[in-house]
C-alpha atoms as a PDB file:
ATOM      1  CA  UNK A   1     140.466-133.819   1.363  1.00  0.00           C
ATOM      2  CA  UNK A   2     138.894-136.730   3.242  1.00  0.00           C
ATOM      3  CA  UNK A   3     135.265-137.391   2.403  1.00  0.00           C
ATOM      4  CA  UNK A   4     132.828-138.902   4.847  1.00  0.00           C
ATOM      5  CA  UNK A   5     131.294-142.161   3.650  1.00  0.00           C
ATOM      6  CA  UNK A   6     127.511-142.051   3.137  1.00  0.00           C
ATOM      7  CA  UNK A   7     125.740-143.420   6.169  1.00  0.00           C
ATOM      8  CA  UNK A   8     123.217-146.226   6.109  1.00  0.00           C
ATOM      9  CA  UNK A   9     119.821-144.884   5.192  1.00  0.00           C
ATOM     10  CA  UNK A  10     121.241-141.836   3.380  1.00  0.00           C
ATOM     11  CA  UNK A  11     118.149-140.058   2.095  1.00  0.00           C
ATOM     12  CA  UNK A  12     117.323-137.584  -0.620  1.00  0.00           C
ATOM     13  CA  UNK A  13     114.777-134.781  -0.608  1.00  0.00           C
ATOM     14  CA  UNK A  14     111.490-135.992  -2.075  1.00  0.00           C
ATOM     15  CA  UNK A  15     110.383-132.485  -3.084  1.00  0.00           C
ATOM     16  CA  UNK A  16     112.411-131.965  -6.275  1.00  0.00           C
ATOM     17  CA  UNK A  17     111.080-128.431  -6.904  1.00  0.00           C
ATOM     18  CA  UNK A  18     111.983-127.316  -3.396  1.00  0.00           C
ATOM     19  CA  UNK A  19     115.383-128.984  -3.657  1.00  0.00           C
ATOM     20  CA  UNK A  20     115.995-127.322  -7.025  1.00  0.00           C
ATOM     21  CA  UNK A  21     115.351-123.927  -5.446  1.00  0.00           C
ATOM     22  CA  UNK A  22     117.411-124.601  -2.307  1.00  0.00           C
ATOM     23  CA  UNK A  23     120.379-126.120  -4.065  1.00  0.00           C
ATOM     24  CA  UNK A  24     120.730-125.243  -7.752  1.00  0.00           C
ATOM     25  CA  UNK A  25     119.050-121.834  -7.734  1.00  0.00           C
ATOM     26  CA  UNK A  26     121.056-120.858  -4.671  1.00  0.00           C
ATOM     27  CA  UNK A  27     124.352-122.110  -6.110  1.00  0.00           C
ATOM     28  CA  UNK A  28     124.091-120.928  -9.702  1.00  0.00           C
ATOM     29  CA  UNK A  29     120.760-119.935 -11.244  1.00  0.00           C
ATOM     30  CA  UNK A  30     120.112-116.894  -9.042  1.00  0.00           C
ATOM     31  CA  UNK A  31     123.420-115.404 -10.170  1.00  0.00           C
ATOM     32  CA  UNK A  32     122.697-116.295 -13.787  1.00  0.00           C
ATOM     33  CA  UNK A  33     119.258-114.690 -13.544  1.00  0.00           C
ATOM     34  CA  UNK A  34     120.925-111.414 -12.588  1.00  0.00           C
ATOM     35  CA  UNK A  35     123.387-111.751 -15.451  1.00  0.00           C
ATOM     36  CA  UNK A  36     120.672-112.647 -17.954  1.00  0.00           C
ATOM     37  CA  UNK A  37     118.600-109.590 -17.032  1.00  0.00           C
ATOM     38  CA  UNK A  38     121.675-107.355 -17.238  1.00  0.00           C
ATOM     39  CA  UNK A  39     122.737-108.896 -20.564  1.00  0.00           C
ATOM     40  CA  UNK A  40     119.257-108.252 -21.972  1.00  0.00           C
ATOM     41  CA  UNK A  41     119.182-104.695 -20.601  1.00  0.00           C
ATOM     42  CA  UNK A  42     115.639-105.327 -19.387  1.00  0.00           C
ATOM     43  CA  UNK A  43     113.953-102.036 -18.488  1.00  0.00           C
ATOM     44  CA  UNK A  44     111.650-101.755 -15.431  1.00  0.00           C
ATOM     45  CA  UNK A  45     108.582-100.876 -17.526  1.00  0.00           C
ATOM     46  CA  UNK A  46     108.897-103.581 -20.191  1.00  0.00           C
ATOM     47  CA  UNK A  47     106.308-106.330 -20.500  1.00  0.00           C
ATOM     48  CA  UNK A  48     108.258-109.431 -19.542  1.00  0.00           C
ATOM     49  CA  UNK A  49     107.654-113.159 -19.924  1.00  0.00           C
ATOM     50  CA  UNK A  50     109.840-115.708 -18.121  1.00  0.00           C
ATOM     51  CA  UNK A  51     109.253-118.717 -20.400  1.00  0.00           C
ATOM     52  CA  UNK A  52     109.942-122.112 -18.871  1.00  0.00           C
ATOM     53  CA  UNK A  53     110.377-120.400 -15.531  1.00  0.00           C
ATOM     54  CA  UNK A  54     110.893-123.403 -13.245  1.00  0.00           C
ATOM     55  CA  UNK A  55     110.692-122.008  -9.710  1.00  0.00           C
ATOM     56  CA  UNK A  56     110.663-118.526 -11.213  1.00  0.00           C
ATOM     57  CA  UNK A  57     114.020-117.066 -10.251  1.00  0.00           C
ATOM     58  CA  UNK A  58     114.249-114.892 -13.392  1.00  0.00           C
ATOM     59  CA  UNK A  59     110.754-113.444 -12.959  1.00  0.00           C
ATOM     60  CA  UNK A  60     111.193-113.002  -9.210  1.00  0.00           C
ATOM     61  CA  UNK A  61     114.535-111.279  -9.707  1.00  0.00           C
ATOM     62  CA  UNK A  62     113.021-108.985 -12.334  1.00  0.00           C
ATOM     63  CA  UNK A  63     110.036-108.205 -10.111  1.00  0.00           C
ATOM     64  CA  UNK A  64     112.329-107.139  -7.288  1.00  0.00           C
ATOM     65  CA  UNK A  65     113.648-104.298  -9.466  1.00  0.00           C
ATOM     66  CA  UNK A  66     110.520-103.296 -11.352  1.00  0.00           C
ATOM     67  CA  UNK A  67     107.823-100.664 -11.114  1.00  0.00           C
ATOM     68  CA  UNK A  68     105.085-102.278  -9.029  1.00  0.00           C
ATOM     69  CA  UNK A  69     102.484-101.457 -11.707  1.00  0.00           C
ATOM     70  CA  UNK A  70     104.275-103.637 -14.297  1.00  0.00           C
ATOM     71  CA  UNK A  71     103.855-107.273 -13.335  1.00  0.00           C
ATOM     72  CA  UNK A  72     106.097-109.897 -14.962  1.00  0.00           C
ATOM     73  CA  UNK A  73     104.476-113.029 -16.348  1.00  0.00           C
ATOM     74  CA  UNK A  74     106.041-116.479 -15.882  1.00  0.00           C
ATOM     75  CA  UNK A  75     105.111-119.784 -17.502  1.00  0.00           C
ATOM     76  CA  UNK A  76     106.058-123.415 -16.931  1.00  0.00           C
ATOM     77  CA  UNK A  77     104.444-126.772 -17.774  1.00  0.00           C
ATOM     78  CA  UNK A  78     105.347-128.309 -14.390  1.00  0.00           C
ATOM     79  CA  UNK A  79     102.783-127.646 -11.668  1.00  0.00           C
ATOM     80  CA  UNK A  80     105.244-128.668  -8.945  1.00  0.00           C
ATOM     81  CA  UNK A  81     107.701-125.998 -10.063  1.00  0.00           C
ATOM     82  CA  UNK A  82     104.921-123.406 -10.256  1.00  0.00           C
ATOM     83  CA  UNK A  83     103.716-124.302  -6.760  1.00  0.00           C
ATOM     84  CA  UNK A  84     107.205-123.642  -5.413  1.00  0.00           C
ATOM     85  CA  UNK A  85     107.375-120.400  -7.409  1.00  0.00           C
ATOM     86  CA  UNK A  86     104.074-119.190  -5.968  1.00  0.00           C
ATOM     87  CA  UNK A  87     105.174-120.140  -2.460  1.00  0.00           C
ATOM     88  CA  UNK A  88     108.219-117.907  -2.867  1.00  0.00           C
ATOM     89  CA  UNK A  89     106.125-115.017  -4.197  1.00  0.00           C
ATOM     90  CA  UNK A  90     103.703-114.333  -1.320  1.00  0.00           C
ATOM     91  CA  UNK A  91     103.109-110.752  -2.471  1.00  0.00           C
ATOM     92  CA  UNK A  92     102.010-112.050  -5.916  1.00  0.00           C
ATOM     93  CA  UNK A  93     104.398-109.782  -7.774  1.00  0.00           C
ATOM     94  CA  UNK A  94     104.478-112.245 -10.709  1.00  0.00           C
ATOM     95  CA  UNK A  95     101.576-113.643 -12.776  1.00  0.00           C
ATOM     96  CA  UNK A  96     102.204-117.421 -12.765  1.00  0.00           C
ATOM     97  CA  UNK A  97     100.762-119.434 -15.676  1.00  0.00           C
ATOM     98  CA  UNK A  98     100.885-123.114 -16.573  1.00  0.00           C
ATOM     99  CA  UNK A  99     101.661-123.883 -20.206  1.00  0.00           C
ATOM    100  CA  UNK A 100     104.165-125.133 -22.757  1.00  0.00           C
ATOM    101  CA  UNK A 101     106.639-123.110 -24.806  1.00  0.00           C
ATOM    102  CA  UNK A 102     105.481-124.832 -27.977  1.00  0.00           C
ATOM    103  CA  UNK A 103     101.962-123.422 -27.504  1.00  0.00           C
ATOM    104  CA  UNK A 104     102.124-120.183 -25.512  1.00  0.00           C
ATOM    105  CA  UNK A 105      98.693-119.154 -24.151  1.00  0.00           C
ATOM    106  CA  UNK A 106      99.173-115.461 -24.978  1.00  0.00           C
ATOM    107  CA  UNK A 107      98.038-113.127 -27.746  1.00  0.00           C
ATOM    108  CA  UNK A 108     100.360-111.948 -30.501  1.00  0.00           C
ATOM    109  CA  UNK A 109     102.674-109.052 -29.565  1.00  0.00           C
ATOM    110  CA  UNK A 110     101.948-109.405 -25.833  1.00  0.00           C
ATOM    111  CA  UNK A 111     105.505-108.833 -24.575  1.00  0.00           C
ATOM    112  CA  UNK A 112     108.538-106.603 -25.058  1.00  0.00           C
ATOM    113  CA  UNK A 113     111.005-109.226 -23.873  1.00  0.00           C
ATOM    114  CA  UNK A 114     110.846-112.998 -23.424  1.00  0.00           C
ATOM    115  CA  UNK A 115     113.506-114.557 -21.212  1.00  0.00           C
ATOM    116  CA  UNK A 116     114.236-118.283 -21.130  1.00  0.00           C
ATOM    117  CA  UNK A 117     116.911-119.557 -18.768  1.00  0.00           C
ATOM    118  CA  UNK A 118     118.105-123.139 -19.419  1.00  0.00           C
ATOM    119  CA  UNK A 119     114.897-124.178 -21.179  1.00  0.00           C
ATOM    120  CA  UNK A 120     115.627-124.828 -24.854  1.00  0.00           C
ATOM    121  CA  UNK A 121     117.494-128.037 -24.005  1.00  0.00           C
ATOM    122  CA  UNK A 122     114.276-129.586 -22.732  1.00  0.00           C
ATOM    123  CA  UNK A 123     111.524-128.604 -25.187  1.00  0.00           C
ATOM    124  CA  UNK A 124     110.288-131.297 -27.555  1.00  0.00           C
ATOM    125  CA  UNK A 125     110.116-128.999 -30.593  1.00  0.00           C
ATOM    126  CA  UNK A 126     112.653-126.189 -30.285  1.00  0.00           C
ATOM    127  CA  UNK A 127     111.825-124.503 -33.605  1.00  0.00           C
ATOM    128  CA  UNK A 128     108.151-124.372 -32.720  1.00  0.00           C
ATOM    129  CA  UNK A 129     109.011-122.929 -29.293  1.00  0.00           C
ATOM    130  CA  UNK A 130     111.173-120.228 -30.882  1.00  0.00           C
ATOM    131  CA  UNK A 131     108.406-119.445 -33.374  1.00  0.00           C
ATOM    132  CA  UNK A 132     105.954-119.079 -30.475  1.00  0.00           C
ATOM    133  CA  UNK A 133     108.352-116.764 -28.639  1.00  0.00           C
ATOM    134  CA  UNK A 134     108.627-114.678 -31.818  1.00  0.00           C
ATOM    135  CA  UNK A 135     104.823-114.576 -32.143  1.00  0.00           C
ATOM    136  CA  UNK A 136     104.179-113.228 -28.644  1.00  0.00           C
ATOM    137  CA  UNK A 137     106.884-110.541 -28.936  1.00  0.00           C
ATOM    138  CA  UNK A 138     105.931-107.063 -30.081  1.00  0.00           C
ATOM    139  CA  UNK A 139     107.756-105.758 -33.138  1.00  0.00           C
ATOM    140  CA  UNK A 140     111.344-104.989 -32.143  1.00  0.00           C
ATOM    141  CA  UNK A 141     111.010-107.025 -28.942  1.00  0.00           C
ATOM    142  CA  UNK A 142     113.779-109.316 -27.757  1.00  0.00           C
ATOM    143  CA  UNK A 143     114.236-112.955 -26.950  1.00  0.00           C
ATOM    144  CA  UNK A 144     116.900-113.220 -24.241  1.00  0.00           C
ATOM    145  CA  UNK A 145     118.074-116.770 -23.653  1.00  0.00           C
ATOM    146  CA  UNK A 146     120.593-118.738 -21.599  1.00  0.00           C
ATOM    147  CA  UNK A 147     121.694-122.178 -22.821  1.00  0.00           C
ATOM    148  CA  UNK A 148     124.375-124.254 -21.113  1.00  0.00           C
ATOM    149  CA  UNK A 149     127.282-125.151 -23.358  1.00  0.00           C
ATOM    150  CA  UNK A 150     128.034-128.804 -24.147  1.00  0.00           C
ATOM    151  CA  UNK A 151     129.632-131.353 -21.814  1.00  0.00           C
ATOM    152  CA  UNK A 152     133.008-130.654 -23.452  1.00  0.00           C
ATOM    153  CA  UNK A 153     132.986-127.425 -21.418  1.00  0.00           C
ATOM    154  CA  UNK A 154     131.833-129.204 -18.223  1.00  0.00           C
ATOM    155  CA  UNK A 155     134.249-132.037 -17.371  1.00  0.00           C
ATOM    156  CA  UNK A 156     132.985-132.208 -13.775  1.00  0.00           C
ATOM    157  CA  UNK A 157     129.509-133.103 -15.045  1.00  0.00           C
ATOM    158  CA  UNK A 158     131.047-135.694 -17.369  1.00  0.00           C
ATOM    159  CA  UNK A 159     132.580-137.331 -14.279  1.00  0.00           C
ATOM    160  CA  UNK A 160     129.173-137.276 -12.562  1.00  0.00           C
ATOM    161  CA  UNK A 161     127.221-138.538 -15.578  1.00  0.00           C
ATOM    162  CA  UNK A 162     129.700-141.354 -16.289  1.00  0.00           C
ATOM    163  CA  UNK A 163     129.657-142.468 -12.638  1.00  0.00           C
ATOM    164  CA  UNK A 164     125.864-142.465 -12.612  1.00  0.00           C
ATOM    165  CA  UNK A 165     125.787-144.506 -15.795  1.00  0.00           C
ATOM    166  CA  UNK A 166     128.097-147.164 -14.308  1.00  0.00           C
ATOM    167  CA  UNK A 167     126.424-147.431 -10.910  1.00  0.00           C
ATOM    168  CA  UNK A 168     122.785-146.525 -11.586  1.00  0.00           C
ATOM    169  CA  UNK A 169     122.214-147.096 -15.315  1.00  0.00           C
ATOM    170  CA  UNK A 170     122.263-145.545 -18.779  1.00  0.00           C
ATOM    171  CA  UNK A 171     119.083-143.568 -18.158  1.00  0.00           C
ATOM    172  CA  UNK A 172     120.613-141.870 -15.112  1.00  0.00           C
ATOM    173  CA  UNK A 173     123.715-140.916 -17.078  1.00  0.00           C
ATOM    174  CA  UNK A 174     121.646-139.550 -19.939  1.00  0.00           C
ATOM    175  CA  UNK A 175     119.505-137.578 -17.492  1.00  0.00           C
ATOM    176  CA  UNK A 176     122.584-135.830 -16.094  1.00  0.00           C
ATOM    177  CA  UNK A 177     123.866-135.020 -19.602  1.00  0.00           C
ATOM    178  CA  UNK A 178     120.522-133.590 -20.754  1.00  0.00           C
ATOM    179  CA  UNK A 179     121.057-130.000 -19.505  1.00  0.00           C
ATOM    180  CA  UNK A 180     124.164-129.800 -21.718  1.00  0.00           C
ATOM    181  CA  UNK A 181     122.487-131.121 -24.866  1.00  0.00           C
ATOM    182  CA  UNK A 182     121.208-127.815 -26.207  1.00  0.00           C
ATOM    183  CA  UNK A 183     122.152-126.164 -29.497  1.00  0.00           C
ATOM    184  CA  UNK A 184     125.589-124.607 -29.855  1.00  0.00           C
ATOM    185  CA  UNK A 185     126.066-120.979 -30.932  1.00  0.00           C
ATOM    186  CA  UNK A 186     125.976-121.580 -34.738  1.00  0.00           C
ATOM    187  CA  UNK A 187     122.855-123.744 -34.435  1.00  0.00           C
ATOM    188  CA  UNK A 188     121.171-121.127 -32.246  1.00  0.00           C
ATOM    189  CA  UNK A 189     121.856-118.420 -34.824  1.00  0.00           C
ATOM    190  CA  UNK A 190     120.370-120.563 -37.590  1.00  0.00           C
ATOM    191  CA  UNK A 191     117.290-121.593 -35.619  1.00  0.00           C
ATOM    192  CA  UNK A 192     116.574-118.041 -34.479  1.00  0.00           C
ATOM    193  CA  UNK A 193     116.893-116.762 -38.046  1.00  0.00           C
ATOM    194  CA  UNK A 194     114.546-119.494 -39.288  1.00  0.00           C
ATOM    195  CA  UNK A 195     112.027-118.389 -36.638  1.00  0.00           C
ATOM    196  CA  UNK A 196     112.052-114.787 -37.878  1.00  0.00           C
ATOM    197  CA  UNK A 197     114.595-113.221 -35.494  1.00  0.00           C
ATOM    198  CA  UNK A 198     117.503-111.004 -36.508  1.00  0.00           C
ATOM    199  CA  UNK A 199     120.318-109.024 -34.841  1.00  0.00           C
ATOM    200  CA  UNK A 200     121.419-112.115 -32.914  1.00  0.00           C
ATOM    201  CA  UNK A 201     124.027-111.437 -30.231  1.00  0.00           C
ATOM    202  CA  UNK A 202     125.777-114.246 -28.314  1.00  0.00           C
ATOM    203  CA  UNK A 203     128.173-114.045 -25.382  1.00  0.00           C
ATOM    204  CA  UNK A 204     129.650-116.965 -23.437  1.00  0.00           C
ATOM    205  CA  UNK A 205     129.480-116.511 -19.674  1.00  0.00           C
ATOM    206  CA  UNK A 206     131.464-118.454 -17.057  1.00  0.00           C
ATOM    207  CA  UNK A 207     130.380-118.967 -13.457  1.00  0.00           C
ATOM    208  CA  UNK A 208     132.368-120.706 -10.698  1.00  0.00           C
ATOM    209  CA  UNK A 209     130.176-123.147  -8.754  1.00  0.00           C
ATOM    210  CA  UNK A 210     131.086-124.699  -5.423  1.00  0.00           C
ATOM    211  CA  UNK A 211     129.695-127.697  -3.520  1.00  0.00           C
ATOM    212  CA  UNK A 212     130.853-128.670  -0.009  1.00  0.00           C
ATOM    213  CA  UNK A 213     131.859-132.183  -1.104  1.00  0.00           C
ATOM    214  CA  UNK A 214     131.563-134.717  -3.893  1.00  0.00           C
ATOM    215  CA  UNK A 215     128.867-136.472  -1.869  1.00  0.00           C
ATOM    216  CA  UNK A 216     126.852-133.262  -1.601  1.00  0.00           C
ATOM    217  CA  UNK A 217     127.375-132.572  -5.307  1.00  0.00           C
ATOM    218  CA  UNK A 218     125.746-135.927  -6.030  1.00  0.00           C
ATOM    219  CA  UNK A 219     123.007-135.544  -3.424  1.00  0.00           C
ATOM    220  CA  UNK A 220     121.981-132.018  -4.360  1.00  0.00           C
ATOM    221  CA  UNK A 221     121.999-132.616  -8.116  1.00  0.00           C
ATOM    222  CA  UNK A 222     119.985-135.816  -7.695  1.00  0.00           C
ATOM    223  CA  UNK A 223     117.511-134.328  -5.229  1.00  0.00           C
ATOM    224  CA  UNK A 224     116.802-131.487  -7.668  1.00  0.00           C
ATOM    225  CA  UNK A 225     115.793-133.845 -10.479  1.00  0.00           C
ATOM    226  CA  UNK A 226     114.019-137.139 -11.233  1.00  0.00           C
ATOM    227  CA  UNK A 227     117.287-138.879 -10.299  1.00  0.00           C
ATOM    228  CA  UNK A 228     116.142-138.836  -6.679  1.00  0.00           C
ATOM    229  CA  UNK A 229     114.037-141.955  -7.288  1.00  0.00           C
ATOM    230  CA  UNK A 230     116.641-144.331  -8.754  1.00  0.00           C
ATOM    231  CA  UNK A 231     119.430-143.000  -6.560  1.00  0.00           C
ATOM    232  CA  UNK A 232     117.332-143.408  -3.431  1.00  0.00           C
ATOM    233  CA  UNK A 233     116.886-147.098  -4.252  1.00  0.00           C
ATOM    234  CA  UNK A 234     120.617-147.871  -4.345  1.00  0.00           C
ATOM    235  CA  UNK A 235     121.993-150.192  -1.694  1.00  0.00           C
ATOM    236  CA  UNK A 236     124.662-148.826   0.647  1.00  0.00           C
ATOM    237  CA  UNK A 237     127.583-150.601  -1.048  1.00  0.00           C
ATOM    238  CA  UNK A 238     126.674-149.220  -4.471  1.00  0.00           C
ATOM    239  CA  UNK A 239     126.229-145.723  -3.073  1.00  0.00           C
ATOM    240  CA  UNK A 240     129.616-145.867  -1.338  1.00  0.00           C
ATOM    241  CA  UNK A 241     131.252-147.011  -4.596  1.00  0.00           C
ATOM    242  CA  UNK A 242     129.525-144.228  -6.543  1.00  0.00           C
ATOM    243  CA  UNK A 243     130.698-141.519  -4.144  1.00  0.00           C
ATOM    244  CA  UNK A 244     134.229-142.971  -4.076  1.00  0.00           C
ATOM    245  CA  UNK A 245     134.389-142.805  -7.879  1.00  0.00           C
ATOM    246  CA  UNK A 246     133.222-139.196  -7.797  1.00  0.00           C
ATOM    247  CA  UNK A 247     135.871-138.319  -5.220  1.00  0.00           C
ATOM    248  CA  UNK A 248     138.601-139.782  -7.425  1.00  0.00           C
ATOM    249  CA  UNK A 249     137.332-138.117 -10.582  1.00  0.00           C
ATOM    250  CA  UNK A 250     136.876-134.733  -8.911  1.00  0.00           C
ATOM    251  CA  UNK A 251     140.148-134.765  -6.963  1.00  0.00           C
ATOM    252  CA  UNK A 252     141.703-132.071  -9.214  1.00  0.00           C
ATOM    253  CA  UNK A 253     138.749-129.804  -8.351  1.00  0.00           C
ATOM    254  CA  UNK A 254     138.847-130.503  -4.615  1.00  0.00           C
ATOM    255  CA  UNK A 255     140.207-128.219  -1.903  1.00  0.00           C
ATOM    256  CA  UNK A 256     139.701-127.824   1.847  1.00  0.00           C
ATOM    257  CA  UNK A 257     136.309-126.168   1.278  1.00  0.00           C
ATOM    258  CA  UNK A 258     134.892-128.830  -1.038  1.00  0.00           C
ATOM    259  CA  UNK A 259     134.816-128.914  -4.835  1.00  0.00           C
ATOM    260  CA  UNK A 260     134.733-125.999  -7.254  1.00  0.00           C
ATOM    261  CA  UNK A 261     134.476-125.902 -11.031  1.00  0.00           C
ATOM    262  CA  UNK A 262     133.479-123.513 -13.838  1.00  0.00           C
ATOM    263  CA  UNK A 263     130.181-123.702 -15.681  1.00  0.00           C
ATOM    264  CA  UNK A 264     129.679-122.085 -19.078  1.00  0.00           C
ATOM    265  CA  UNK A 265     126.466-120.851 -20.647  1.00  0.00           C
ATOM    266  CA  UNK A 266     125.674-118.990 -23.849  1.00  0.00           C
ATOM    267  CA  UNK A 267     123.724-115.775 -23.334  1.00  0.00           C
ATOM    268  CA  UNK A 268     121.716-114.961 -26.444  1.00  0.00           C
ATOM    269  CA  UNK A 269     119.716-111.936 -27.543  1.00  0.00           C
ATOM    270  CA  UNK A 270     117.685-111.739 -30.769  1.00  0.00           C
ATOM    271  CA  UNK A 271     115.170-109.190 -32.053  1.00  0.00           C
ATOM    272  CA  UNK A 272     111.733-109.972 -33.403  1.00  0.00           C
END
């Protein structure tokens, strides 16, 4: 498949929260939100917290299927993400709250289920965050989590991270690897047990993700993250070389409609 070369002045979205919603939520996280809620068997009347909600796709998806008198709560430390979440919830069906997972601003036993989609990879103190989730759950409540599996299960992101490292710098490569740096299944079991959870259940889920081209794969991933800054400062020759390397590395995943590859996440349920 022939790829168009980036044009001079190729620009990235400057609104990373909006780009995250338009690109990554649309391509993968909306579908995973549905699967996470189904995996956790979340009932319409349960008190629900979407912890580390980002733009709130889990809470918004839950609210769309819930009794209107039971309002989900969603929390994130990033005000930009929360602003985008509120913008996409004009009927105020979700209670949006700013805060950190390591210090949840809720009373003990406030919720029946806490959901966290692709969050544990990014908290500074994971054991403290899990202990806080346990604290705010009522007795018998559930933590329902989604954590991307390691880069060994995501060779297409290895290609992207390695190309970024060579053409942009080590920090850019590390930034792209970060979502895949979470605990594996055995570590999750141990950490949940240490935090007071039991009856841990883990299933690996696979989702096919498609981008229209290697160039769009790069642009959309970068625009949805802090990579937009350093990538936007690249000169045209470096950008062309970066996209060309991606095209070569992703050739086995390329067809006439773009590129397609599987992504794997661990779905986890544990009882308080």
